[in-house]
Amino acid sequence: MSQQPSSGRPQHGDGKGTLTIHVGHAEVVIRQRYEVVSIANDILIAMWFLAGSVMFFFTDWQTTGTWCFVFGSVELLARPVIRLTRHVHLLRIHGGSYAVQEAAQDF
């Protein structure tokens, strides 16, 4: 039996391969910052709508509750703005060669 030289990489189909993706440090930092902004925005949306919903139980608070819904709607508008800003930022650091590859994980 002859042995083949090992290249240090697993052979195709043996199930032991590791996927390695090389991403620049700046891109990782940018993605993390926008993710934090997006999460904070989602929390604000929930807080505005929850507060508005509770306020609607009380007649004296219905106008304030309506304003909470307006603020929550503005925060909903901010969601795509955050995503678009992140995409433009990544395009700029990649010199226009950035391809959107994260649709399933988009925030």
N, C-alpha and C. Protein backbone atom coordinates (compact mmCIF):
# COMPACT_ATOMS: atom_id res chain seq x y z
N MET A 1 0.82 -1.17 0.00
CA MET A 1 0.00 0.00 0.00
C MET A 1 0.87 1.24 0.00
N SER A 2 0.60 2.16 -0.90
CA SER A 2 1.40 3.38 -0.94
C SER A 2 0.67 4.50 -0.22
N GLN A 3 1.43 5.32 0.46
CA GLN A 3 0.84 6.45 1.16
C GLN A 3 0.98 7.69 0.32
N GLN A 4 -0.08 8.50 0.34
CA GLN A 4 -0.03 9.75 -0.37
C GLN A 4 0.44 10.82 0.60
N PRO A 5 1.21 11.79 0.12
CA PRO A 5 1.68 12.85 1.01
C PRO A 5 0.50 13.67 1.53
N SER A 6 0.58 14.00 2.79
CA SER A 6 -0.48 14.77 3.42
C SER A 6 -0.24 16.26 3.22
N SER A 7 -1.26 16.95 2.80
CA SER A 7 -1.14 18.39 2.58
C SER A 7 -1.57 19.17 3.82
N GLY A 8 -2.01 18.46 4.87
CA GLY A 8 -2.47 19.14 6.07
C GLY A 8 -3.94 19.51 5.98
N ARG A 9 -4.53 19.28 4.81
CA ARG A 9 -5.94 19.58 4.64
C ARG A 9 -6.71 18.27 4.58
N PRO A 10 -7.93 18.26 5.12
CA PRO A 10 -8.73 17.05 5.04
C PRO A 10 -9.13 16.76 3.60
N GLN A 11 -9.24 15.50 3.27
CA GLN A 11 -9.65 15.10 1.94
C GLN A 11 -11.13 15.40 1.75
N HIS A 12 -11.51 15.62 0.52
CA HIS A 12 -12.90 15.94 0.18
C HIS A 12 -13.83 14.82 0.64
N GLY A 13 -14.90 15.21 1.37
CA GLY A 13 -15.90 14.24 1.76
C GLY A 13 -15.66 13.54 3.07
N ASP A 14 -14.58 13.84 3.79
CA ASP A 14 -14.35 13.12 5.04
C ASP A 14 -15.06 13.78 6.23
N GLY A 15 -15.74 14.94 6.01
CA GLY A 15 -16.54 15.56 7.05
C GLY A 15 -15.76 16.29 8.12
N LYS A 16 -14.46 16.41 7.97
CA LYS A 16 -13.66 17.04 9.01
C LYS A 16 -13.13 18.41 8.59
N GLY A 17 -13.61 18.93 7.48
CA GLY A 17 -13.13 20.22 6.98
C GLY A 17 -13.60 21.38 7.86
N THR A 18 -12.85 22.44 7.83
CA THR A 18 -13.18 23.64 8.58
C THR A 18 -13.34 24.77 7.60
N LEU A 19 -14.42 25.51 7.72
CA LEU A 19 -14.65 26.66 6.87
C LEU A 19 -13.97 27.86 7.50
N THR A 20 -13.09 28.49 6.75
CA THR A 20 -12.39 29.66 7.24
C THR A 20 -12.73 30.83 6.33
N ILE A 21 -13.24 31.89 6.93
CA ILE A 21 -13.58 33.09 6.17
C ILE A 21 -12.68 34.21 6.66
N HIS A 22 -11.98 34.84 5.74
CA HIS A 22 -11.08 35.92 6.10
C HIS A 22 -11.81 37.25 5.90
N VAL A 23 -11.99 37.96 7.00
CA VAL A 23 -12.65 39.26 6.97
C VAL A 23 -11.73 40.23 7.68
N GLY A 24 -11.59 41.40 7.12
CA GLY A 24 -10.73 42.40 7.72
C GLY A 24 -11.26 42.87 9.06
N HIS A 25 -10.33 43.29 9.93
CA HIS A 25 -10.69 43.76 11.27
C HIS A 25 -11.67 44.93 11.21
N ALA A 26 -11.43 45.86 10.29
CA ALA A 26 -12.30 47.03 10.18
C ALA A 26 -13.73 46.62 9.84
N GLU A 27 -13.88 45.65 8.97
CA GLU A 27 -15.22 45.20 8.58
C GLU A 27 -15.93 44.55 9.76
N VAL A 28 -15.23 43.77 10.54
CA VAL A 28 -15.84 43.13 11.71
C VAL A 28 -16.31 44.19 12.71
N VAL A 29 -15.49 45.20 12.94
CA VAL A 29 -15.84 46.28 13.87
C VAL A 29 -17.07 47.02 13.36
N ILE A 30 -17.09 47.33 12.08
CA ILE A 30 -18.23 48.05 11.49
C ILE A 30 -19.50 47.23 11.63
N ARG A 31 -19.43 45.96 11.28
CA ARG A 31 -20.61 45.09 11.40
C ARG A 31 -21.10 45.00 12.83
N GLN A 32 -20.19 44.88 13.79
CA GLN A 32 -20.59 44.78 15.20
C GLN A 32 -21.25 46.06 15.68
N ARG A 33 -20.71 47.20 15.28
CA ARG A 33 -21.29 48.48 15.70
C ARG A 33 -22.70 48.65 15.15
N TYR A 34 -22.89 48.36 13.88
CA TYR A 34 -24.23 48.48 13.31
C TYR A 34 -25.19 47.47 13.91
N GLU A 35 -24.70 46.30 14.27
CA GLU A 35 -25.56 45.31 14.91
C GLU A 35 -26.03 45.82 16.27
N VAL A 36 -25.13 46.44 17.03
CA VAL A 36 -25.50 47.00 18.34
C VAL A 36 -26.53 48.11 18.15
N VAL A 37 -26.33 48.97 17.18
CA VAL A 37 -27.29 50.05 16.90
C VAL A 37 -28.64 49.46 16.53
N SER A 38 -28.63 48.42 15.71
CA SER A 38 -29.87 47.78 15.29
C SER A 38 -30.60 47.14 16.47
N ILE A 39 -29.87 46.48 17.35
CA ILE A 39 -30.49 45.86 18.54
C ILE A 39 -31.07 46.93 19.45
N ALA A 40 -30.33 48.01 19.67
CA ALA A 40 -30.84 49.11 20.50
C ALA A 40 -32.10 49.70 19.89
N ASN A 41 -32.12 49.85 18.58
CA ASN A 41 -33.31 50.36 17.90
C ASN A 41 -34.49 49.42 18.09
N ASP A 42 -34.28 48.11 17.97
CA ASP A 42 -35.36 47.14 18.18
C ASP A 42 -35.91 47.21 19.60
N ILE A 43 -35.03 47.40 20.57
CA ILE A 43 -35.48 47.53 21.97
C ILE A 43 -36.34 48.78 22.14
N LEU A 44 -35.90 49.88 21.53
CA LEU A 44 -36.69 51.11 21.60
C LEU A 44 -38.07 50.94 20.95
N ILE A 45 -38.11 50.25 19.82
CA ILE A 45 -39.40 49.99 19.16
C ILE A 45 -40.33 49.26 20.12
N ALA A 46 -39.83 48.21 20.74
CA ALA A 46 -40.64 47.42 21.67
C ALA A 46 -41.12 48.28 22.85
N MET A 47 -40.22 49.10 23.38
CA MET A 47 -40.59 49.94 24.53
C MET A 47 -41.66 50.96 24.15
N TRP A 48 -41.52 51.63 22.99
CA TRP A 48 -42.53 52.60 22.56
C TRP A 48 -43.89 51.94 22.40
N PHE A 49 -43.94 50.80 21.72
CA PHE A 49 -45.22 50.16 21.46
C PHE A 49 -45.82 49.54 22.73
N LEU A 50 -44.99 49.01 23.60
CA LEU A 50 -45.50 48.48 24.86
C LEU A 50 -46.07 49.60 25.72
N ALA A 51 -45.34 50.70 25.84
CA ALA A 51 -45.82 51.83 26.63
C ALA A 51 -47.11 52.38 26.04
N GLY A 52 -47.16 52.54 24.73
CA GLY A 52 -48.37 53.04 24.09
C GLY A 52 -49.56 52.12 24.31
N SER A 53 -49.32 50.83 24.25
CA SER A 53 -50.40 49.86 24.46
C SER A 53 -50.95 49.94 25.87
N VAL A 54 -50.07 50.04 26.86
CA VAL A 54 -50.51 50.14 28.26
C VAL A 54 -51.26 51.45 28.46
N MET A 55 -50.78 52.54 27.88
CA MET A 55 -51.42 53.84 28.05
C MET A 55 -52.82 53.85 27.46
N PHE A 56 -53.08 53.04 26.46
CA PHE A 56 -54.42 53.01 25.85
C PHE A 56 -55.48 52.42 26.78
N PHE A 57 -55.07 51.77 27.83
CA PHE A 57 -56.05 51.27 28.82
C PHE A 57 -56.66 52.39 29.65
N PHE A 58 -55.99 53.54 29.68
CA PHE A 58 -56.43 54.65 30.52
C PHE A 58 -56.78 55.84 29.64
N THR A 59 -58.00 56.34 29.79
CA THR A 59 -58.49 57.43 28.96
C THR A 59 -57.59 58.66 29.03
N ASP A 60 -57.13 58.99 30.22
CA ASP A 60 -56.29 60.18 30.38
C ASP A 60 -54.93 60.05 29.68
N TRP A 61 -54.49 58.85 29.39
CA TRP A 61 -53.17 58.61 28.80
C TRP A 61 -53.22 58.28 27.31
N GLN A 62 -54.40 58.29 26.70
CA GLN A 62 -54.50 57.85 25.30
C GLN A 62 -53.74 58.75 24.33
N THR A 63 -53.73 60.05 24.57
CA THR A 63 -52.98 60.94 23.67
C THR A 63 -51.49 60.66 23.78
N THR A 64 -51.00 60.48 25.00
CA THR A 64 -49.58 60.15 25.19
C THR A 64 -49.26 58.79 24.57
N GLY A 65 -50.19 57.85 24.71
CA GLY A 65 -50.01 56.54 24.10
C GLY A 65 -49.93 56.63 22.59
N THR A 66 -50.74 57.50 22.00
CA THR A 66 -50.69 57.71 20.55
C THR A 66 -49.33 58.23 20.13
N TRP A 67 -48.77 59.15 20.91
CA TRP A 67 -47.43 59.66 20.60
C TRP A 67 -46.38 58.56 20.72
N CYS A 68 -46.57 57.66 21.67
CA CYS A 68 -45.63 56.53 21.78
C CYS A 68 -45.67 55.68 20.51
N PHE A 69 -46.88 55.48 19.96
CA PHE A 69 -46.99 54.73 18.71
C PHE A 69 -46.33 55.48 17.55
N VAL A 70 -46.44 56.79 17.53
CA VAL A 70 -45.78 57.59 16.49
C VAL A 70 -44.27 57.43 16.61
N PHE A 71 -43.74 57.52 17.85
CA PHE A 71 -42.29 57.36 18.05
C PHE A 71 -41.84 55.96 17.65
N GLY A 72 -42.64 54.95 18.00
CA GLY A 72 -42.31 53.58 17.60
C GLY A 72 -42.29 53.41 16.10
N SER A 73 -43.21 54.09 15.40
CA SER A 73 -43.25 54.03 13.94
C SER A 73 -42.01 54.70 13.33
N VAL A 74 -41.55 55.78 13.94
CA VAL A 74 -40.32 56.43 13.48
C VAL A 74 -39.14 55.47 13.65
N GLU A 75 -39.11 54.76 14.78
CA GLU A 75 -38.04 53.79 15.01
C GLU A 75 -38.10 52.66 13.98
N LEU A 76 -39.33 52.26 13.58
CA LEU A 76 -39.44 51.24 12.53
C LEU A 76 -38.86 51.75 11.22
N LEU A 77 -39.04 53.04 10.94
CA LEU A 77 -38.44 53.63 9.75
C LEU A 77 -36.92 53.64 9.85
N ALA A 78 -36.40 53.75 11.05
CA ALA A 78 -34.95 53.78 11.24
C ALA A 78 -34.29 52.43 10.91
N ARG A 79 -35.03 51.34 11.02
CA ARG A 79 -34.45 50.01 10.75
C ARG A 79 -33.83 49.91 9.36
N PRO A 80 -34.58 50.21 8.28
CA PRO A 80 -33.95 50.10 6.96
C PRO A 80 -32.87 51.16 6.74
N VAL A 81 -33.00 52.30 7.41
CA VAL A 81 -31.97 53.34 7.29
C VAL A 81 -30.66 52.83 7.88
N ILE A 82 -30.73 52.15 9.01
CA ILE A 82 -29.53 51.56 9.63
C ILE A 82 -28.90 50.54 8.69
N ARG A 83 -29.71 49.67 8.10
CA ARG A 83 -29.20 48.66 7.18
C ARG A 83 -28.56 49.29 5.96
N LEU A 84 -29.23 50.29 5.37
CA LEU A 84 -28.70 50.96 4.19
C LEU A 84 -27.39 51.68 4.52
N THR A 85 -27.33 52.34 5.66
CA THR A 85 -26.11 53.03 6.07
C THR A 85 -24.96 52.05 6.23
N ARG A 86 -25.24 50.89 6.82
CA ARG A 86 -24.19 49.88 6.98
C ARG A 86 -23.70 49.38 5.62
N HIS A 87 -24.62 49.12 4.69
CA HIS A 87 -24.22 48.66 3.36
C HIS A 87 -23.35 49.70 2.65
N VAL A 88 -23.75 50.96 2.73
CA VAL A 88 -22.96 52.02 2.10
C VAL A 88 -21.59 52.13 2.75
N HIS A 89 -21.54 52.02 4.07
CA HIS A 89 -20.26 52.08 4.80
C HIS A 89 -19.34 50.94 4.35
N LEU A 90 -19.88 49.73 4.24
CA LEU A 90 -19.07 48.59 3.80
C LEU A 90 -18.64 48.74 2.34
N LEU A 91 -19.51 49.31 1.51
CA LEU A 91 -19.12 49.57 0.11
C LEU A 91 -17.93 50.52 0.05
N ARG A 92 -17.95 51.53 0.88
CA ARG A 92 -16.86 52.51 0.88
C ARG A 92 -15.53 51.90 1.32
N ILE A 93 -15.55 51.04 2.34
CA ILE A 93 -14.27 50.48 2.78
C ILE A 93 -13.75 49.42 1.82
N HIS A 94 -14.65 48.84 1.01
CA HIS A 94 -14.22 47.83 0.03
C HIS A 94 -14.01 48.44 -1.35
N GLY A 95 -14.13 49.73 -1.47
CA GLY A 95 -13.90 50.38 -2.75
C GLY A 95 -14.92 50.03 -3.81
N GLY A 96 -16.13 49.76 -3.42
CA GLY A 96 -17.19 49.45 -4.38
C GLY A 96 -17.28 48.01 -4.79
N SER A 97 -16.44 47.14 -4.22
CA SER A 97 -16.46 45.72 -4.63
C SER A 97 -17.16 44.84 -3.60
N TYR A 98 -17.90 45.45 -2.71
CA TYR A 98 -18.60 44.71 -1.67
C TYR A 98 -19.86 44.08 -2.25
N ALA A 99 -20.05 42.81 -2.02
CA ALA A 99 -21.26 42.12 -2.46
C ALA A 99 -22.09 41.75 -1.23
N VAL A 100 -23.37 41.98 -1.29
CA VAL A 100 -24.23 41.67 -0.16
C VAL A 100 -24.35 40.16 -0.06
N GLN A 101 -23.78 39.58 1.03
CA GLN A 101 -23.74 38.14 1.19
C GLN A 101 -24.44 37.69 2.45
N GLU A 102 -25.06 38.57 3.19
CA GLU A 102 -25.56 38.23 4.51
C GLU A 102 -27.05 38.37 4.65
N ALA A 103 -27.80 38.14 3.59
CA ALA A 103 -29.23 38.37 3.62
C ALA A 103 -29.91 37.60 4.74
N ALA A 104 -29.47 36.38 5.02
CA ALA A 104 -30.10 35.58 6.08
C ALA A 104 -29.79 36.13 7.47
N GLN A 105 -28.68 36.83 7.61
CA GLN A 105 -28.28 37.35 8.91
C GLN A 105 -28.41 38.87 8.99
N ASP A 106 -29.08 39.44 8.02
CA ASP A 106 -29.18 40.90 7.98
C ASP A 106 -29.99 41.40 9.16
N PHE A 107 -29.52 42.48 9.73
CA PHE A 107 -30.21 43.05 10.88
C PHE A 107 -30.68 44.43 10.58
